[in-house]
Amino acid sequence: MQEIEQKDFVALTKEGVVLIDFFATWCAPCRMMGQILEGINEEIGDKVKIYKVDVDKNEMLARTYGIMSIPTLMIFKDGVAKEKHVGVWMQNECVETLKKYL
């Protein structure tokens, strides 16, 4: 999964279904979520784009979306934020939620 920055955010989320993982490198639950995201990418990565945003490097972007705890995952559909999930999100639950937007 590609780590993106604020300057690329709008362009990369404007089309299709996109899952954004707001994380930090020092966060243990974020590392756990990273492994889950790899499984999600293997399962439906051909239909959903998955990107990671480091909140320490992109503080303004995190503030824009009200990220108060990490990991926080957000689903975007054609540039519009549709859902937000705070904490570790199990693969099957995340995939089922993403499928609603495909």
N, C-alpha and C. Protein backbone atom coordinates (compact mmCIF):
# COMPACT_ATOMS: atom_id res chain seq x y z
N MET A 1 0.83 -1.18 0.00
CA MET A 1 0.00 0.00 0.00
C MET A 1 0.87 1.24 0.00
N GLN A 2 0.43 2.18 -0.77
CA GLN A 2 1.19 3.40 -0.95
C GLN A 2 0.88 4.40 0.15
N GLU A 3 1.93 5.01 0.68
CA GLU A 3 1.75 6.10 1.63
C GLU A 3 1.64 7.40 0.82
N ILE A 4 0.62 8.19 1.12
CA ILE A 4 0.41 9.42 0.37
C ILE A 4 0.49 10.62 1.30
N GLU A 5 0.62 11.81 0.68
CA GLU A 5 0.71 13.05 1.43
C GLU A 5 -0.43 13.97 1.04
N GLN A 6 -0.56 15.03 1.79
CA GLN A 6 -1.67 15.96 1.61
C GLN A 6 -1.76 16.49 0.18
N LYS A 7 -0.62 16.78 -0.44
CA LYS A 7 -0.63 17.37 -1.79
C LYS A 7 -1.26 16.43 -2.83
N ASP A 8 -1.25 15.13 -2.58
CA ASP A 8 -1.79 14.15 -3.53
C ASP A 8 -3.18 13.65 -3.15
N PHE A 9 -3.65 14.01 -1.97
CA PHE A 9 -4.85 13.41 -1.40
C PHE A 9 -6.08 13.57 -2.28
N VAL A 10 -6.38 14.78 -2.70
CA VAL A 10 -7.60 15.04 -3.49
C VAL A 10 -7.56 14.28 -4.81
N ALA A 11 -6.42 14.32 -5.48
CA ALA A 11 -6.31 13.64 -6.78
C ALA A 11 -6.49 12.13 -6.65
N LEU A 12 -5.98 11.56 -5.57
CA LEU A 12 -6.04 10.10 -5.41
C LEU A 12 -7.36 9.60 -4.85
N THR A 13 -8.17 10.48 -4.29
CA THR A 13 -9.46 10.05 -3.72
C THR A 13 -10.65 10.48 -4.56
N LYS A 14 -10.41 11.18 -5.66
CA LYS A 14 -11.54 11.77 -6.40
C LYS A 14 -12.36 10.79 -7.23
N GLU A 15 -11.82 9.61 -7.53
CA GLU A 15 -12.56 8.65 -8.35
C GLU A 15 -12.57 7.27 -7.70
N GLY A 16 -13.72 6.63 -7.75
CA GLY A 16 -13.84 5.26 -7.28
C GLY A 16 -13.94 5.17 -5.77
N VAL A 17 -13.74 3.95 -5.27
CA VAL A 17 -13.80 3.68 -3.83
C VAL A 17 -12.37 3.64 -3.32
N VAL A 18 -12.12 4.43 -2.28
CA VAL A 18 -10.77 4.55 -1.71
C VAL A 18 -10.86 4.36 -0.20
N LEU A 19 -9.98 3.54 0.33
CA LEU A 19 -9.86 3.34 1.78
C LEU A 19 -8.57 4.02 2.22
N ILE A 20 -8.69 4.96 3.16
CA ILE A 20 -7.54 5.68 3.69
C ILE A 20 -7.30 5.22 5.13
N ASP A 21 -6.06 4.84 5.41
CA ASP A 21 -5.64 4.46 6.75
C ASP A 21 -4.81 5.60 7.33
N PHE A 22 -5.37 6.34 8.29
CA PHE A 22 -4.63 7.36 9.00
C PHE A 22 -3.89 6.65 10.13
N PHE A 23 -2.55 6.74 10.15
CA PHE A 23 -1.74 5.94 11.06
C PHE A 23 -0.52 6.74 11.52
N ALA A 24 0.26 6.13 12.42
CA ALA A 24 1.58 6.63 12.79
C ALA A 24 2.51 5.43 12.94
N THR A 25 3.76 5.64 12.64
CA THR A 25 4.72 4.54 12.67
C THR A 25 4.94 3.98 14.07
N TRP A 26 4.74 4.79 15.10
CA TRP A 26 4.98 4.38 16.48
C TRP A 26 3.77 3.67 17.11
N CYS A 27 2.67 3.59 16.39
CA CYS A 27 1.39 3.08 16.93
C CYS A 27 1.27 1.57 16.70
N ALA A 28 1.24 0.80 17.81
CA ALA A 28 1.14 -0.66 17.70
C ALA A 28 -0.16 -1.11 17.03
N PRO A 29 -1.34 -0.58 17.40
CA PRO A 29 -2.56 -0.99 16.70
C PRO A 29 -2.51 -0.64 15.21
N CYS A 30 -1.79 0.42 14.86
CA CYS A 30 -1.66 0.79 13.43
C CYS A 30 -0.86 -0.28 12.68
N ARG A 31 0.16 -0.81 13.32
CA ARG A 31 0.94 -1.88 12.67
C ARG A 31 0.07 -3.12 12.48
N MET A 32 -0.77 -3.43 13.46
CA MET A 32 -1.70 -4.55 13.34
C MET A 32 -2.67 -4.30 12.18
N MET A 33 -3.16 -3.07 12.08
CA MET A 33 -4.09 -2.71 11.00
C MET A 33 -3.40 -2.83 9.66
N GLY A 34 -2.11 -2.53 9.61
CA GLY A 34 -1.35 -2.67 8.36
C GLY A 34 -1.40 -4.08 7.82
N GLN A 35 -1.29 -5.07 8.70
CA GLN A 35 -1.35 -6.47 8.28
C GLN A 35 -2.75 -6.81 7.76
N ILE A 36 -3.78 -6.28 8.42
CA ILE A 36 -5.15 -6.51 7.98
C ILE A 36 -5.38 -5.87 6.61
N LEU A 37 -4.83 -4.68 6.42
CA LEU A 37 -4.99 -4.00 5.13
C LEU A 37 -4.34 -4.78 3.99
N GLU A 38 -3.25 -5.46 4.28
CA GLU A 38 -2.63 -6.30 3.25
C GLU A 38 -3.59 -7.40 2.82
N GLY A 39 -4.29 -7.99 3.77
CA GLY A 39 -5.29 -9.01 3.45
C GLY A 39 -6.45 -8.44 2.65
N ILE A 40 -6.90 -7.25 3.01
CA ILE A 40 -7.97 -6.58 2.27
C ILE A 40 -7.52 -6.29 0.85
N ASN A 41 -6.28 -5.84 0.72
CA ASN A 41 -5.74 -5.55 -0.61
C ASN A 41 -5.70 -6.81 -1.48
N GLU A 42 -5.32 -7.92 -0.89
CA GLU A 42 -5.30 -9.19 -1.63
C GLU A 42 -6.71 -9.61 -2.04
N GLU A 43 -7.68 -9.36 -1.16
CA GLU A 43 -9.05 -9.81 -1.40
C GLU A 43 -9.79 -8.94 -2.41
N ILE A 44 -9.72 -7.61 -2.27
CA ILE A 44 -10.49 -6.73 -3.17
C ILE A 44 -9.69 -5.54 -3.69
N GLY A 45 -8.37 -5.64 -3.65
CA GLY A 45 -7.51 -4.54 -4.10
C GLY A 45 -7.67 -4.17 -5.56
N ASP A 46 -8.28 -5.07 -6.34
CA ASP A 46 -8.52 -4.75 -7.75
C ASP A 46 -9.74 -3.83 -7.91
N LYS A 47 -10.55 -3.68 -6.86
CA LYS A 47 -11.76 -2.86 -6.93
C LYS A 47 -11.69 -1.61 -6.05
N VAL A 48 -10.80 -1.64 -5.06
CA VAL A 48 -10.69 -0.56 -4.08
C VAL A 48 -9.24 -0.12 -3.98
N LYS A 49 -9.01 1.19 -4.00
CA LYS A 49 -7.65 1.70 -3.79
C LYS A 49 -7.46 1.88 -2.29
N ILE A 50 -6.30 1.47 -1.79
CA ILE A 50 -5.98 1.59 -0.37
C ILE A 50 -4.71 2.42 -0.23
N TYR A 51 -4.80 3.48 0.56
CA TYR A 51 -3.66 4.36 0.81
C TYR A 51 -3.49 4.56 2.30
N LYS A 52 -2.26 4.91 2.69
CA LYS A 52 -1.94 5.19 4.08
C LYS A 52 -1.52 6.66 4.19
N VAL A 53 -1.94 7.32 5.28
CA VAL A 53 -1.55 8.70 5.55
C VAL A 53 -0.94 8.75 6.95
N ASP A 54 0.34 9.13 7.03
CA ASP A 54 1.03 9.27 8.30
C ASP A 54 0.59 10.58 8.94
N VAL A 55 -0.10 10.50 10.08
CA VAL A 55 -0.65 11.70 10.71
C VAL A 55 0.45 12.63 11.23
N ASP A 56 1.62 12.09 11.55
CA ASP A 56 2.72 12.93 12.02
C ASP A 56 3.30 13.78 10.89
N LYS A 57 3.25 13.29 9.68
CA LYS A 57 3.77 14.02 8.52
C LYS A 57 2.70 14.88 7.85
N ASN A 58 1.43 14.61 8.14
CA ASN A 58 0.31 15.28 7.46
C ASN A 58 -0.71 15.77 8.48
N GLU A 59 -0.25 16.59 9.42
CA GLU A 59 -1.11 17.04 10.52
C GLU A 59 -2.33 17.82 10.03
N MET A 60 -2.15 18.68 9.05
CA MET A 60 -3.29 19.48 8.55
C MET A 60 -4.35 18.59 7.92
N LEU A 61 -3.94 17.59 7.20
CA LEU A 61 -4.89 16.66 6.59
C LEU A 61 -5.65 15.89 7.68
N ALA A 62 -4.93 15.44 8.69
CA ALA A 62 -5.57 14.74 9.80
C ALA A 62 -6.58 15.65 10.50
N ARG A 63 -6.23 16.90 10.70
CA ARG A 63 -7.16 17.86 11.32
C ARG A 63 -8.38 18.09 10.45
N THR A 64 -8.17 18.19 9.14
CA THR A 64 -9.27 18.42 8.21
C THR A 64 -10.35 17.35 8.37
N TYR A 65 -9.94 16.11 8.59
CA TYR A 65 -10.88 15.00 8.70
C TYR A 65 -11.18 14.60 10.15
N GLY A 66 -10.77 15.43 11.08
CA GLY A 66 -11.11 15.20 12.48
C GLY A 66 -10.52 13.94 13.07
N ILE A 67 -9.30 13.61 12.67
CA ILE A 67 -8.65 12.41 13.18
C ILE A 67 -8.12 12.70 14.58
N MET A 68 -8.72 12.07 15.57
CA MET A 68 -8.35 12.28 16.97
C MET A 68 -7.65 11.06 17.57
N SER A 69 -7.89 9.89 17.00
CA SER A 69 -7.28 8.64 17.45
C SER A 69 -6.85 7.86 16.23
N ILE A 70 -5.83 7.03 16.42
CA ILE A 70 -5.35 6.20 15.32
C ILE A 70 -5.27 4.76 15.79
N PRO A 71 -5.43 3.81 14.88
CA PRO A 71 -5.74 4.02 13.47
C PRO A 71 -7.19 4.48 13.27
N THR A 72 -7.35 5.34 12.27
CA THR A 72 -8.68 5.71 11.80
C THR A 72 -8.71 5.40 10.32
N LEU A 73 -9.76 4.70 9.90
CA LEU A 73 -9.92 4.37 8.48
C LEU A 73 -11.13 5.11 7.95
N MET A 74 -10.97 5.67 6.76
CA MET A 74 -12.07 6.38 6.12
C MET A 74 -12.29 5.83 4.72
N ILE A 75 -13.55 5.71 4.37
CA ILE A 75 -13.92 5.27 3.03
C ILE A 75 -14.40 6.49 2.26
N PHE A 76 -13.83 6.66 1.06
CA PHE A 76 -14.23 7.73 0.15
C PHE A 76 -14.82 7.11 -1.10
N LYS A 77 -15.86 7.72 -1.62
CA LYS A 77 -16.46 7.30 -2.89
C LYS A 77 -16.53 8.54 -3.77
N ASP A 78 -15.79 8.52 -4.86
CA ASP A 78 -15.74 9.64 -5.81
C ASP A 78 -15.46 10.97 -5.10
N GLY A 79 -14.49 10.94 -4.17
CA GLY A 79 -14.04 12.15 -3.50
C GLY A 79 -14.82 12.57 -2.28
N VAL A 80 -15.88 11.84 -1.94
CA VAL A 80 -16.72 12.20 -0.80
C VAL A 80 -16.50 11.19 0.32
N ALA A 81 -16.22 11.70 1.53
CA ALA A 81 -16.06 10.82 2.69
C ALA A 81 -17.40 10.19 3.03
N LYS A 82 -17.44 8.87 3.08
CA LYS A 82 -18.68 8.14 3.33
C LYS A 82 -18.74 7.54 4.73
N GLU A 83 -17.63 6.96 5.20
CA GLU A 83 -17.64 6.31 6.51
C GLU A 83 -16.28 6.49 7.17
N LYS A 84 -16.32 6.48 8.52
CA LYS A 84 -15.11 6.59 9.33
C LYS A 84 -15.16 5.51 10.40
N HIS A 85 -14.04 4.82 10.57
CA HIS A 85 -13.95 3.78 11.59
C HIS A 85 -12.69 4.02 12.42
N VAL A 86 -12.84 4.13 13.73
CA VAL A 86 -11.70 4.36 14.62
C VAL A 86 -11.32 3.05 15.29
N GLY A 87 -10.03 2.74 15.26
CA GLY A 87 -9.53 1.51 15.88
C GLY A 87 -9.30 0.43 14.85
N VAL A 88 -8.83 -0.70 15.32
CA VAL A 88 -8.57 -1.84 14.43
C VAL A 88 -9.90 -2.34 13.88
N TRP A 89 -9.93 -2.56 12.57
CA TRP A 89 -11.14 -2.99 11.87
C TRP A 89 -10.87 -4.35 11.28
N MET A 90 -11.58 -5.36 11.71
CA MET A 90 -11.36 -6.71 11.22
C MET A 90 -11.62 -6.79 9.71
N GLN A 91 -10.84 -7.62 9.05
CA GLN A 91 -10.87 -7.70 7.59
C GLN A 91 -12.26 -7.97 7.04
N ASN A 92 -12.95 -8.96 7.57
CA ASN A 92 -14.26 -9.32 7.00
C ASN A 92 -15.26 -8.17 7.14
N GLU A 93 -15.24 -7.46 8.27
CA GLU A 93 -16.15 -6.33 8.47
C GLU A 93 -15.83 -5.18 7.53
N CYS A 94 -14.55 -4.91 7.38
CA CYS A 94 -14.11 -3.83 6.48
C CYS A 94 -14.48 -4.14 5.03
N VAL A 95 -14.23 -5.36 4.60
CA VAL A 95 -14.54 -5.76 3.22
C VAL A 95 -16.04 -5.65 2.96
N GLU A 96 -16.86 -6.11 3.89
CA GLU A 96 -18.31 -6.02 3.71
C GLU A 96 -18.77 -4.57 3.60
N THR A 97 -18.18 -3.70 4.41
CA THR A 97 -18.53 -2.28 4.35
C THR A 97 -18.10 -1.68 3.01
N LEU A 98 -16.90 -2.00 2.57
CA LEU A 98 -16.40 -1.48 1.29
C LEU A 98 -17.28 -1.93 0.13
N LYS A 99 -17.76 -3.16 0.18
CA LYS A 99 -18.58 -3.69 -0.92
C LYS A 99 -19.87 -2.90 -1.12
N LYS A 100 -20.34 -2.24 -0.08
CA LYS A 100 -21.56 -1.40 -0.22
C LYS A 100 -21.35 -0.25 -1.20
N TYR A 101 -20.09 0.14 -1.40
CA TYR A 101 -19.79 1.31 -2.24
C TYR A 101 -19.29 0.94 -3.63
N LEU A 102 -19.17 -0.35 -3.91
CA LEU A 102 -18.68 -0.77 -5.23
C LEU A 102 -19.79 -0.76 -6.28
